[in-house]
Amino acid sequence: MNELHQLTIHEAHGLLKQRKISSVELTKSALKRIAEIEGKIHACVTITEDSALRQAEEADKHISSGDIAPLTGIPTLIKDVICTQGIRTTCGSKMLGDFIPPYDAT
């Protein structure tokens, strides 16, 4: 099997649905890959590792009960132009360097 971070969403969804992998495993693989390359590519402004792992645990609970939508359990990065409540969102601007939105974008 490929490294988990190399799976397509379709492949990962299938493995999650079959319970061959967990969302926590998939998320840890994605976080590990981010840690390996972020210093070179500088793509992430804020990495919410604890939140990602908590959400992966919740996704695994849904999956184990048979409740799995196409993106359930799939780790997702949110571009830094989308307001995410309580998480620094700069829109790539120094002027917004410390902005922490009080709400999520809709």
PDB file of N, CA and C in Angstrom:
ATOM      1  N   MET A   1       0.848  -1.182   0.000  1.00  0.00           N
ATOM      2  CA  MET A   1       0.000   0.000   0.000  1.00  0.00           C
ATOM      3  C   MET A   1       0.891   1.242   0.000  1.00  0.00           C
ATOM      4  N   ASN A   2       0.442   2.274  -0.715  1.00  0.00           N
ATOM      5  CA  ASN A   2       1.139   3.562  -0.695  1.00  0.00           C
ATOM      6  C   ASN A   2       1.153   4.115   0.718  1.00  0.00           C
ATOM      7  N   GLU A   3       2.027   5.098   0.930  1.00  0.00           N
ATOM      8  CA  GLU A   3       1.920   5.867   2.162  1.00  0.00           C
ATOM      9  C   GLU A   3       0.496   6.429   2.190  1.00  0.00           C
ATOM     10  N   LEU A   4      -0.076   6.490   3.372  1.00  0.00           N
ATOM     11  CA  LEU A   4      -1.473   6.933   3.458  1.00  0.00           C
ATOM     12  C   LEU A   4      -1.681   8.319   2.867  1.00  0.00           C
ATOM     13  N   HIS A   5      -0.690   9.216   3.027  1.00  0.00           N
ATOM     14  CA  HIS A   5      -0.877  10.577   2.503  1.00  0.00           C
ATOM     15  C   HIS A   5      -0.881  10.612   0.973  1.00  0.00           C
ATOM     16  N   GLN A   6      -0.500   9.506   0.324  1.00  0.00           N
ATOM     17  CA  GLN A   6      -0.480   9.464  -1.137  1.00  0.00           C
ATOM     18  C   GLN A   6      -1.781   8.925  -1.734  1.00  0.00           C
ATOM     19  N   LEU A   7      -2.680   8.461  -0.888  1.00  0.00           N
ATOM     20  CA  LEU A   7      -3.948   7.933  -1.387  1.00  0.00           C
ATOM     21  C   LEU A   7      -4.813   9.042  -1.973  1.00  0.00           C
ATOM     22  N   THR A   8      -5.587   8.702  -2.989  1.00  0.00           N
ATOM     23  CA  THR A   8      -6.601   9.641  -3.461  1.00  0.00           C
ATOM     24  C   THR A   8      -7.739   9.655  -2.436  1.00  0.00           C
ATOM     25  N   ILE A   9      -8.588  10.650  -2.517  1.00  0.00           N
ATOM     26  CA  ILE A   9      -9.745  10.686  -1.619  1.00  0.00           C
ATOM     27  C   ILE A   9     -10.607   9.442  -1.840  1.00  0.00           C
ATOM     28  N   HIS A  10     -10.785   9.060  -3.083  1.00  0.00           N
ATOM     29  CA  HIS A  10     -11.588   7.870  -3.396  1.00  0.00           C
ATOM     30  C   HIS A  10     -10.985   6.616  -2.751  1.00  0.00           C
ATOM     31  N   GLU A  11      -9.672   6.449  -2.883  1.00  0.00           N
ATOM     32  CA  GLU A  11      -9.009   5.285  -2.282  1.00  0.00           C
ATOM     33  C   GLU A  11      -9.129   5.311  -0.762  1.00  0.00           C
ATOM     34  N   ALA A  12      -8.869   6.473  -0.172  1.00  0.00           N
ATOM     35  CA  ALA A  12      -8.944   6.598   1.290  1.00  0.00           C
ATOM     36  C   ALA A  12     -10.364   6.321   1.775  1.00  0.00           C
ATOM     37  N   HIS A  13     -11.354   6.855   1.073  1.00  0.00           N
ATOM     38  CA  HIS A  13     -12.751   6.626   1.451  1.00  0.00           C
ATOM     39  C   HIS A  13     -13.070   5.129   1.450  1.00  0.00           C
ATOM     40  N   GLY A  14     -12.630   4.442   0.406  1.00  0.00           N
ATOM     41  CA  GLY A  14     -12.882   3.006   0.322  1.00  0.00           C
ATOM     42  C   GLY A  14     -12.254   2.243   1.480  1.00  0.00           C
ATOM     43  N   LEU A  15     -11.016   2.593   1.820  1.00  0.00           N
ATOM     44  CA  LEU A  15     -10.327   1.918   2.927  1.00  0.00           C
ATOM     45  C   LEU A  15     -10.972   2.251   4.270  1.00  0.00           C
ATOM     46  N   LEU A  16     -11.425   3.489   4.424  1.00  0.00           N
ATOM     47  CA  LEU A  16     -12.137   3.863   5.650  1.00  0.00           C
ATOM     48  C   LEU A  16     -13.445   3.085   5.758  1.00  0.00           C
ATOM     49  N   LYS A  17     -14.169   3.018   4.659  1.00  0.00           N
ATOM     50  CA  LYS A  17     -15.463   2.336   4.646  1.00  0.00           C
ATOM     51  C   LYS A  17     -15.302   0.849   4.973  1.00  0.00           C
ATOM     52  N   GLN A  18     -14.215   0.256   4.475  1.00  0.00           N
ATOM     53  CA  GLN A  18     -13.932  -1.157   4.742  1.00  0.00           C
ATOM     54  C   GLN A  18     -13.258  -1.357   6.106  1.00  0.00           C
ATOM     55  N   ARG A  19     -12.966  -0.259   6.757  1.00  0.00           N
ATOM     56  CA  ARG A  19     -12.294  -0.251   8.070  1.00  0.00           C
ATOM     57  C   ARG A  19     -10.906  -0.889   8.018  1.00  0.00           C
ATOM     58  N   LYS A  20     -10.237  -0.712   6.884  1.00  0.00           N
ATOM     59  CA  LYS A  20      -8.854  -1.185   6.746  1.00  0.00           C
ATOM     60  C   LYS A  20      -7.879  -0.153   7.293  1.00  0.00           C
ATOM     61  N   ILE A  21      -8.325   1.100   7.338  1.00  0.00           N
ATOM     62  CA  ILE A  21      -7.565   2.177   7.976  1.00  0.00           C
ATOM     63  C   ILE A  21      -8.551   2.987   8.808  1.00  0.00           C
ATOM     64  N   SER A  22      -8.014   3.787   9.707  1.00  0.00           N
ATOM     65  CA  SER A  22      -8.868   4.682  10.492  1.00  0.00           C
ATOM     66  C   SER A  22      -8.603   6.122  10.077  1.00  0.00           C
ATOM     67  N   SER A  23      -9.538   6.975  10.390  1.00  0.00           N
ATOM     68  CA  SER A  23      -9.349   8.398  10.133  1.00  0.00           C
ATOM     69  C   SER A  23      -8.181   8.939  10.948  1.00  0.00           C
ATOM     70  N   VAL A  24      -8.012   8.426  12.166  1.00  0.00           N
ATOM     71  CA  VAL A  24      -6.882   8.866  12.995  1.00  0.00           C
ATOM     72  C   VAL A  24      -5.565   8.514  12.312  1.00  0.00           C
ATOM     73  N   GLU A  25      -5.454   7.301  11.763  1.00  0.00           N
ATOM     74  CA  GLU A  25      -4.226   6.908  11.057  1.00  0.00           C
ATOM     75  C   GLU A  25      -3.994   7.805   9.847  1.00  0.00           C
ATOM     76  N   LEU A  26      -5.048   8.056   9.098  1.00  0.00           N
ATOM     77  CA  LEU A  26      -4.956   8.893   7.908  1.00  0.00           C
ATOM     78  C   LEU A  26      -4.544  10.314   8.276  1.00  0.00           C
ATOM     79  N   THR A  27      -5.124  10.841   9.329  1.00  0.00           N
ATOM     80  CA  THR A  27      -4.810  12.198   9.786  1.00  0.00           C
ATOM     81  C   THR A  27      -3.384  12.287  10.301  1.00  0.00           C
ATOM     82  N   LYS A  28      -2.949  11.299  11.062  1.00  0.00           N
ATOM     83  CA  LYS A  28      -1.559  11.290  11.549  1.00  0.00           C
ATOM     84  C   LYS A  28      -0.577  11.246  10.385  1.00  0.00           C
ATOM     85  N   SER A  29      -0.906  10.493   9.345  1.00  0.00           N
ATOM     86  CA  SER A  29      -0.055  10.433   8.165  1.00  0.00           C
ATOM     87  C   SER A  29       0.021  11.795   7.478  1.00  0.00           C
ATOM     88  N   ALA A  30      -1.118  12.464   7.360  1.00  0.00           N
ATOM     89  CA  ALA A  30      -1.144  13.796   6.740  1.00  0.00           C
ATOM     90  C   ALA A  30      -0.352  14.796   7.575  1.00  0.00           C
ATOM     91  N   LEU A  31      -0.520  14.748   8.887  1.00  0.00           N
ATOM     92  CA  LEU A  31       0.216  15.666   9.771  1.00  0.00           C
ATOM     93  C   LEU A  31       1.717  15.402   9.715  1.00  0.00           C
ATOM     94  N   LYS A  32       2.088  14.136   9.630  1.00  0.00           N
ATOM     95  CA  LYS A  32       3.514  13.783   9.520  1.00  0.00           C
ATOM     96  C   LYS A  32       4.090  14.347   8.225  1.00  0.00           C
ATOM     97  N   ARG A  33       3.341  14.212   7.135  1.00  0.00           N
ATOM     98  CA  ARG A  33       3.799  14.733   5.842  1.00  0.00           C
ATOM     99  C   ARG A  33       3.915  16.256   5.874  1.00  0.00           C
ATOM    100  N   ILE A  34       2.958  16.910   6.494  1.00  0.00           N
ATOM    101  CA  ILE A  34       3.036  18.366   6.636  1.00  0.00           C
ATOM    102  C   ILE A  34       4.303  18.741   7.394  1.00  0.00           C
ATOM    103  N   ALA A  35       4.589  18.040   8.487  1.00  0.00           N
ATOM    104  CA  ALA A  35       5.787  18.325   9.285  1.00  0.00           C
ATOM    105  C   ALA A  35       7.058  18.126   8.462  1.00  0.00           C
ATOM    106  N   GLU A  36       7.049  17.139   7.566  1.00  0.00           N
ATOM    107  CA  GLU A  36       8.227  16.850   6.746  1.00  0.00           C
ATOM    108  C   GLU A  36       8.499  17.934   5.714  1.00  0.00           C
ATOM    109  N   ILE A  37       7.454  18.513   5.134  1.00  0.00           N
ATOM    110  CA  ILE A  37       7.667  19.425   4.004  1.00  0.00           C
ATOM    111  C   ILE A  37       7.328  20.885   4.268  1.00  0.00           C
ATOM    112  N   GLU A  38       6.655  21.178   5.364  1.00  0.00           N
ATOM    113  CA  GLU A  38       6.207  22.554   5.604  1.00  0.00           C
ATOM    114  C   GLU A  38       7.366  23.540   5.654  1.00  0.00           C
ATOM    115  N   GLY A  39       8.496  23.145   6.210  1.00  0.00           N
ATOM    116  CA  GLY A  39       9.650  24.040   6.284  1.00  0.00           C
ATOM    117  C   GLY A  39      10.177  24.458   4.921  1.00  0.00           C
ATOM    118  N   LYS A  40       9.871  23.669   3.898  1.00  0.00           N
ATOM    119  CA  LYS A  40      10.319  23.977   2.534  1.00  0.00           C
ATOM    120  C   LYS A  40       9.269  24.744   1.744  1.00  0.00           C
ATOM    121  N   ILE A  41       8.006  24.394   1.947  1.00  0.00           N
ATOM    122  CA  ILE A  41       6.975  24.982   1.085  1.00  0.00           C
ATOM    123  C   ILE A  41       6.181  26.112   1.731  1.00  0.00           C
ATOM    124  N   HIS A  42       6.187  26.198   3.042  1.00  0.00           N
ATOM    125  CA  HIS A  42       5.506  27.283   3.769  1.00  0.00           C
ATOM    126  C   HIS A  42       4.066  27.488   3.290  1.00  0.00           C
ATOM    127  N   ALA A  43       3.306  26.399   3.235  1.00  0.00           N
ATOM    128  CA  ALA A  43       1.927  26.464   2.755  1.00  0.00           C
ATOM    129  C   ALA A  43       0.910  26.666   3.868  1.00  0.00           C
ATOM    130  N   CYS A  44       1.279  26.351   5.105  1.00  0.00           N
ATOM    131  CA  CYS A  44       0.323  26.396   6.214  1.00  0.00           C
ATOM    132  C   CYS A  44       0.626  27.563   7.148  1.00  0.00           C
ATOM    133  N   VAL A  45      -0.394  28.339   7.449  1.00  0.00           N
ATOM    134  CA  VAL A  45      -0.249  29.435   8.401  1.00  0.00           C
ATOM    135  C   VAL A  45      -0.420  28.906   9.817  1.00  0.00           C
ATOM    136  N   THR A  46      -1.441  28.092  10.019  1.00  0.00           N
ATOM    137  CA  THR A  46      -1.749  27.527  11.331  1.00  0.00           C
ATOM    138  C   THR A  46      -2.077  26.048  11.153  1.00  0.00           C
ATOM    139  N   ILE A  47      -1.441  25.205  11.947  1.00  0.00           N
ATOM    140  CA  ILE A  47      -1.720  23.770  11.917  1.00  0.00           C
ATOM    141  C   ILE A  47      -2.412  23.415  13.224  1.00  0.00           C
ATOM    142  N   THR A  48      -3.614  22.903  13.124  1.00  0.00           N
ATOM    143  CA  THR A  48      -4.423  22.596  14.310  1.00  0.00           C
ATOM    144  C   THR A  48      -4.411  21.084  14.555  1.00  0.00           C
ATOM    145  N   GLU A  49      -3.251  20.582  14.956  1.00  0.00           N
ATOM    146  CA  GLU A  49      -3.056  19.140  15.111  1.00  0.00           C
ATOM    147  C   GLU A  49      -4.036  18.515  16.104  1.00  0.00           C
ATOM    148  N   ASP A  50      -4.174  19.109  17.284  1.00  0.00           N
ATOM    149  CA  ASP A  50      -5.075  18.537  18.296  1.00  0.00           C
ATOM    150  C   ASP A  50      -6.516  18.489  17.797  1.00  0.00           C
ATOM    151  N   SER A  51      -6.954  19.570  17.177  1.00  0.00           N
ATOM    152  CA  SER A  51      -8.317  19.621  16.645  1.00  0.00           C
ATOM    153  C   SER A  51      -8.504  18.586  15.535  1.00  0.00           C
ATOM    154  N   ALA A  52      -7.512  18.460  14.673  1.00  0.00           N
ATOM    155  CA  ALA A  52      -7.597  17.483  13.578  1.00  0.00           C
ATOM    156  C   ALA A  52      -7.737  16.067  14.120  1.00  0.00           C
ATOM    157  N   LEU A  53      -6.958  15.746  15.141  1.00  0.00           N
ATOM    158  CA  LEU A  53      -7.020  14.397  15.715  1.00  0.00           C
ATOM    159  C   LEU A  53      -8.335  14.152  16.450  1.00  0.00           C
ATOM    160  N   ARG A  54      -8.854  15.179  17.129  1.00  0.00           N
ATOM    161  CA  ARG A  54     -10.164  15.036  17.790  1.00  0.00           C
ATOM    162  C   ARG A  54     -11.264  14.786  16.755  1.00  0.00           C
ATOM    163  N   GLN A  55     -11.211  15.547  15.673  1.00  0.00           N
ATOM    164  CA  GLN A  55     -12.218  15.376  14.626  1.00  0.00           C
ATOM    165  C   GLN A  55     -12.087  14.011  13.951  1.00  0.00           C
ATOM    166  N   ALA A  56     -10.851  13.522  13.812  1.00  0.00           N
ATOM    167  CA  ALA A  56     -10.636  12.189  13.238  1.00  0.00           C
ATOM    168  C   ALA A  56     -11.228  11.116  14.144  1.00  0.00           C
ATOM    169  N   GLU A  57     -11.072  11.281  15.445  1.00  0.00           N
ATOM    170  CA  GLU A  57     -11.665  10.324  16.394  1.00  0.00           C
ATOM    171  C   GLU A  57     -13.188  10.311  16.262  1.00  0.00           C
ATOM    172  N   GLU A  58     -13.774  11.504  16.134  1.00  0.00           N
ATOM    173  CA  GLU A  58     -15.230  11.595  15.948  1.00  0.00           C
ATOM    174  C   GLU A  58     -15.651  10.925  14.638  1.00  0.00           C
ATOM    175  N   ALA A  59     -14.872  11.159  13.591  1.00  0.00           N
ATOM    176  CA  ALA A  59     -15.184  10.539  12.297  1.00  0.00           C
ATOM    177  C   ALA A  59     -15.131   9.020  12.407  1.00  0.00           C
ATOM    178  N   ASP A  60     -14.140   8.501  13.125  1.00  0.00           N
ATOM    179  CA  ASP A  60     -14.035   7.047  13.297  1.00  0.00           C
ATOM    180  C   ASP A  60     -15.257   6.480  14.009  1.00  0.00           C
ATOM    181  N   LYS A  61     -15.809   7.235  14.956  1.00  0.00           N
ATOM    182  CA  LYS A  61     -17.032   6.784  15.639  1.00  0.00           C
ATOM    183  C   LYS A  61     -18.198   6.695  14.649  1.00  0.00           C
ATOM    184  N   HIS A  62     -18.325   7.711  13.795  1.00  0.00           N
ATOM    185  CA  HIS A  62     -19.394   7.700  12.789  1.00  0.00           C
ATOM    186  C   HIS A  62     -19.212   6.524  11.831  1.00  0.00           C
ATOM    187  N   ILE A  63     -17.970   6.343  11.382  1.00  0.00           N
ATOM    188  CA  ILE A  63     -17.681   5.268  10.430  1.00  0.00           C
ATOM    189  C   ILE A  63     -18.000   3.907  11.043  1.00  0.00           C
ATOM    190  N   SER A  64     -17.638   3.720  12.303  1.00  0.00           N
ATOM    191  CA  SER A  64     -17.877   2.419  12.949  1.00  0.00           C
ATOM    192  C   SER A  64     -19.368   2.125  13.105  1.00  0.00           C
ATOM    193  N   SER A  65     -20.185   3.176  13.095  1.00  0.00           N
ATOM    194  CA  SER A  65     -21.638   2.962  13.178  1.00  0.00           C
ATOM    195  C   SER A  65     -22.271   2.861  11.789  1.00  0.00           C
ATOM    196  N   GLY A  66     -21.428   2.893  10.745  1.00  0.00           N
ATOM    197  CA  GLY A  66     -21.930   2.781   9.380  1.00  0.00           C
ATOM    198  C   GLY A  66     -22.331   4.097   8.759  1.00  0.00           C
ATOM    199  N   ASP A  67     -22.101   5.197   9.471  1.00  0.00           N
ATOM    200  CA  ASP A  67     -22.477   6.537   9.012  1.00  0.00           C
ATOM    201  C   ASP A  67     -21.267   7.178   8.341  1.00  0.00           C
ATOM    202  N   ILE A  68     -21.137   6.980   7.009  1.00  0.00           N
ATOM    203  CA  ILE A  68     -19.971   7.522   6.310  1.00  0.00           C
ATOM    204  C   ILE A  68     -20.394   8.203   5.011  1.00  0.00           C
ATOM    205  N   ALA A  69     -20.202   9.507   4.972  1.00  0.00           N
ATOM    206  CA  ALA A  69     -20.419  10.299   3.764  1.00  0.00           C
ATOM    207  C   ALA A  69     -19.105  10.291   2.969  1.00  0.00           C
ATOM    208  N   PRO A  70     -19.100  10.782   1.735  1.00  0.00           N
ATOM    209  CA  PRO A  70     -17.888  10.719   0.913  1.00  0.00           C
ATOM    210  C   PRO A  70     -16.634  11.340   1.534  1.00  0.00           C
ATOM    211  N   LEU A  71     -16.784  12.369   2.361  1.00  0.00           N
ATOM    212  CA  LEU A  71     -15.600  13.009   2.941  1.00  0.00           C
ATOM    213  C   LEU A  71     -15.425  12.716   4.430  1.00  0.00           C
ATOM    214  N   THR A  72     -16.265  11.865   4.998  1.00  0.00           N
ATOM    215  CA  THR A  72     -16.117  11.526   6.414  1.00  0.00           C
ATOM    216  C   THR A  72     -14.750  10.897   6.643  1.00  0.00           C
ATOM    217  N   GLY A  73     -13.996  11.466   7.572  1.00  0.00           N
ATOM    218  CA  GLY A  73     -12.697  10.916   7.941  1.00  0.00           C
ATOM    219  C   GLY A  73     -11.538  11.347   7.075  1.00  0.00           C
ATOM    220  N   ILE A  74     -11.798  12.135   6.045  1.00  0.00           N
ATOM    221  CA  ILE A  74     -10.738  12.591   5.143  1.00  0.00           C
ATOM    222  C   ILE A  74     -10.145  13.887   5.696  1.00  0.00           C
ATOM    223  N   PRO A  75      -8.832  13.909   5.985  1.00  0.00           N
ATOM    224  CA  PRO A  75      -8.213  15.151   6.476  1.00  0.00           C
ATOM    225  C   PRO A  75      -8.325  16.251   5.414  1.00  0.00           C
ATOM    226  N   THR A  76      -8.564  17.464   5.879  1.00  0.00           N
ATOM    227  CA  THR A  76      -8.775  18.588   4.971  1.00  0.00           C
ATOM    228  C   THR A  76      -7.984  19.805   5.434  1.00  0.00           C
ATOM    229  N   LEU A  77      -7.348  20.485   4.492  1.00  0.00           N
ATOM    230  CA  LEU A  77      -6.700  21.765   4.770  1.00  0.00           C
ATOM    231  C   LEU A  77      -7.642  22.872   4.323  1.00  0.00           C
ATOM    232  N   ILE A  78      -7.753  23.914   5.127  1.00  0.00           N
ATOM    233  CA  ILE A  78      -8.582  25.062   4.774  1.00  0.00           C
ATOM    234  C   ILE A  78      -7.655  26.209   4.387  1.00  0.00           C
ATOM    235  N   LYS A  79      -7.849  26.739   3.199  1.00  0.00           N
ATOM    236  CA  LYS A  79      -7.018  27.847   2.731  1.00  0.00           C
ATOM    237  C   LYS A  79      -7.158  29.037   3.671  1.00  0.00           C
ATOM    238  N   ASP A  80      -6.088  29.768   3.820  1.00  0.00           N
ATOM    239  CA  ASP A  80      -6.016  30.880   4.774  1.00  0.00           C
ATOM    240  C   ASP A  80      -6.815  32.115   4.344  1.00  0.00           C
ATOM    241  N   VAL A  81      -7.798  31.944   3.509  1.00  0.00           N
ATOM    242  CA  VAL A  81      -8.688  33.059   3.166  1.00  0.00           C
ATOM    243  C   VAL A  81     -10.116  32.764   3.623  1.00  0.00           C
ATOM    244  N   ILE A  82     -10.292  31.670   4.341  1.00  0.00           N
ATOM    245  CA  ILE A  82     -11.601  31.261   4.843  1.00  0.00           C
ATOM    246  C   ILE A  82     -11.606  31.432   6.359  1.00  0.00           C
ATOM    247  N   CYS A  83     -12.510  32.230   6.875  1.00  0.00           N
ATOM    248  CA  CYS A  83     -12.577  32.445   8.326  1.00  0.00           C
ATOM    249  C   CYS A  83     -12.897  31.143   9.044  1.00  0.00           C
ATOM    250  N   THR A  84     -12.080  30.846  10.036  1.00  0.00           N
ATOM    251  CA  THR A  84     -12.252  29.655  10.858  1.00  0.00           C
ATOM    252  C   THR A  84     -12.230  30.116  12.308  1.00  0.00           C
ATOM    253  N   GLN A  85     -13.365  29.999  12.958  1.00  0.00           N
ATOM    254  CA  GLN A  85     -13.540  30.530  14.315  1.00  0.00           C
ATOM    255  C   GLN A  85     -12.425  30.073  15.252  1.00  0.00           C
ATOM    256  N   GLY A  86     -11.783  31.059  15.880  1.00  0.00           N
ATOM    257  CA  GLY A  86     -10.769  30.782  16.889  1.00  0.00           C
ATOM    258  C   GLY A  86      -9.410  30.383  16.351  1.00  0.00           C
ATOM    259  N   ILE A  87      -9.247  30.385  15.018  1.00  0.00           N
ATOM    260  CA  ILE A  87      -7.977  29.989  14.402  1.00  0.00           C
ATOM    261  C   ILE A  87      -7.459  31.157  13.569  1.00  0.00           C
ATOM    262  N   ARG A  88      -6.204  31.504  13.782  1.00  0.00           N
ATOM    263  CA  ARG A  88      -5.603  32.636  13.066  1.00  0.00           C
ATOM    264  C   ARG A  88      -5.844  32.501  11.568  1.00  0.00           C
ATOM    265  N   THR A  89      -6.363  33.567  10.981  1.00  0.00           N
ATOM    266  CA  THR A  89      -6.688  33.613   9.557  1.00  0.00           C
ATOM    267  C   THR A  89      -6.147  34.929   9.013  1.00  0.00           C
ATOM    268  N   THR A  90      -5.073  34.855   8.220  1.00  0.00           N
ATOM    269  CA  THR A  90      -4.382  36.079   7.797  1.00  0.00           C
ATOM    270  C   THR A  90      -4.725  36.535   6.386  1.00  0.00           C
ATOM    271  N   CYS A  91      -5.308  35.680   5.583  1.00  0.00           N
ATOM    272  CA  CYS A  91      -5.549  35.986   4.165  1.00  0.00           C
ATOM    273  C   CYS A  91      -4.250  36.361   3.454  1.00  0.00           C
ATOM    274  N   GLY A  92      -3.132  35.880   3.980  1.00  0.00           N
ATOM    275  CA  GLY A  92      -1.834  36.172   3.379  1.00  0.00           C
ATOM    276  C   GLY A  92      -1.395  37.609   3.550  1.00  0.00           C
ATOM    277  N   SER A  93      -1.993  38.336   4.477  1.00  0.00           N
ATOM    278  CA  SER A  93      -1.720  39.756   4.661  1.00  0.00           C
ATOM    279  C   SER A  93      -1.048  40.023   6.006  1.00  0.00           C
ATOM    280  N   LYS A  94      -0.003  40.829   5.987  1.00  0.00           N
ATOM    281  CA  LYS A  94       0.640  41.231   7.247  1.00  0.00           C
ATOM    282  C   LYS A  94      -0.333  42.037   8.107  1.00  0.00           C
ATOM    283  N   MET A  95      -1.210  42.787   7.453  1.00  0.00           N
ATOM    284  CA  MET A  95      -2.178  43.601   8.182  1.00  0.00           C
ATOM    285  C   MET A  95      -3.115  42.724   9.024  1.00  0.00           C
ATOM    286  N   LEU A  96      -3.375  41.509   8.564  1.00  0.00           N
ATOM    287  CA  LEU A  96      -4.255  40.585   9.282  1.00  0.00           C
ATOM    288  C   LEU A  96      -3.454  39.493  10.002  1.00  0.00           C
ATOM    289  N   GLY A  97      -2.178  39.739  10.215  1.00  0.00           N
ATOM    290  CA  GLY A  97      -1.284  38.733  10.785  1.00  0.00           C
ATOM    291  C   GLY A  97      -1.727  38.124  12.092  1.00  0.00           C
ATOM    292  N   ASP A  98      -2.459  38.868  12.902  1.00  0.00           N
ATOM    293  CA  ASP A  98      -2.910  38.362  14.201  1.00  0.00           C
ATOM    294  C   ASP A  98      -4.427  38.194  14.274  1.00  0.00           C
ATOM    295  N   PHE A  99      -5.102  38.232  13.122  1.00  0.00           N
ATOM    296  CA  PHE A  99      -6.565  38.160  13.130  1.00  0.00           C
ATOM    297  C   PHE A  99      -7.043  36.754  13.479  1.00  0.00           C
ATOM    298  N   ILE A 100      -7.899  36.685  14.479  1.00  0.00           N
ATOM    299  CA  ILE A 100      -8.546  35.428  14.873  1.00  0.00           C
ATOM    300  C   ILE A 100     -10.049  35.658  14.759  1.00  0.00           C
ATOM    301  N   PRO A 101     -10.692  35.066  13.755  1.00  0.00           N
ATOM    302  CA  PRO A 101     -12.108  35.324  13.526  1.00  0.00           C
ATOM    303  C   PRO A 101     -12.990  34.817  14.664  1.00  0.00           C
ATOM    304  N   PRO A 102     -14.034  35.583  14.982  1.00  0.00           N
ATOM    305  CA  PRO A 102     -14.980  35.158  16.017  1.00  0.00           C
ATOM    306  C   PRO A 102     -16.070  34.237  15.452  1.00  0.00           C
ATOM    307  N   TYR A 103     -15.981  33.874  14.167  1.00  0.00           N
ATOM    308  CA  TYR A 103     -17.011  33.066  13.508  1.00  0.00           C
ATOM    309  C   TYR A 103     -16.376  32.245  12.391  1.00  0.00           C
ATOM    310  N   ASP A 104     -17.094  31.238  11.931  1.00  0.00           N
ATOM    311  CA  ASP A 104     -16.706  30.477  10.746  1.00  0.00           C
ATOM    312  C   ASP A 104     -17.351  31.105   9.526  1.00  0.00           C
ATOM    313  N   ALA A 105     -16.673  31.036   8.398  1.00  0.00           N
ATOM    314  CA  ALA A 105     -17.265  31.499   7.145  1.00  0.00           C
ATOM    315  C   ALA A 105     -18.469  30.627   6.814  1.00  0.00           C
ATOM    316  N   THR A 106     -19.420  31.213   6.119  1.00  0.00           N
ATOM    317  CA  THR A 106     -20.605  30.436   5.724  1.00  0.00           C
ATOM    318  C   THR A 106     -20.688  30.337   4.218  1.00  0.00           C
TER     319      THR A 106
END
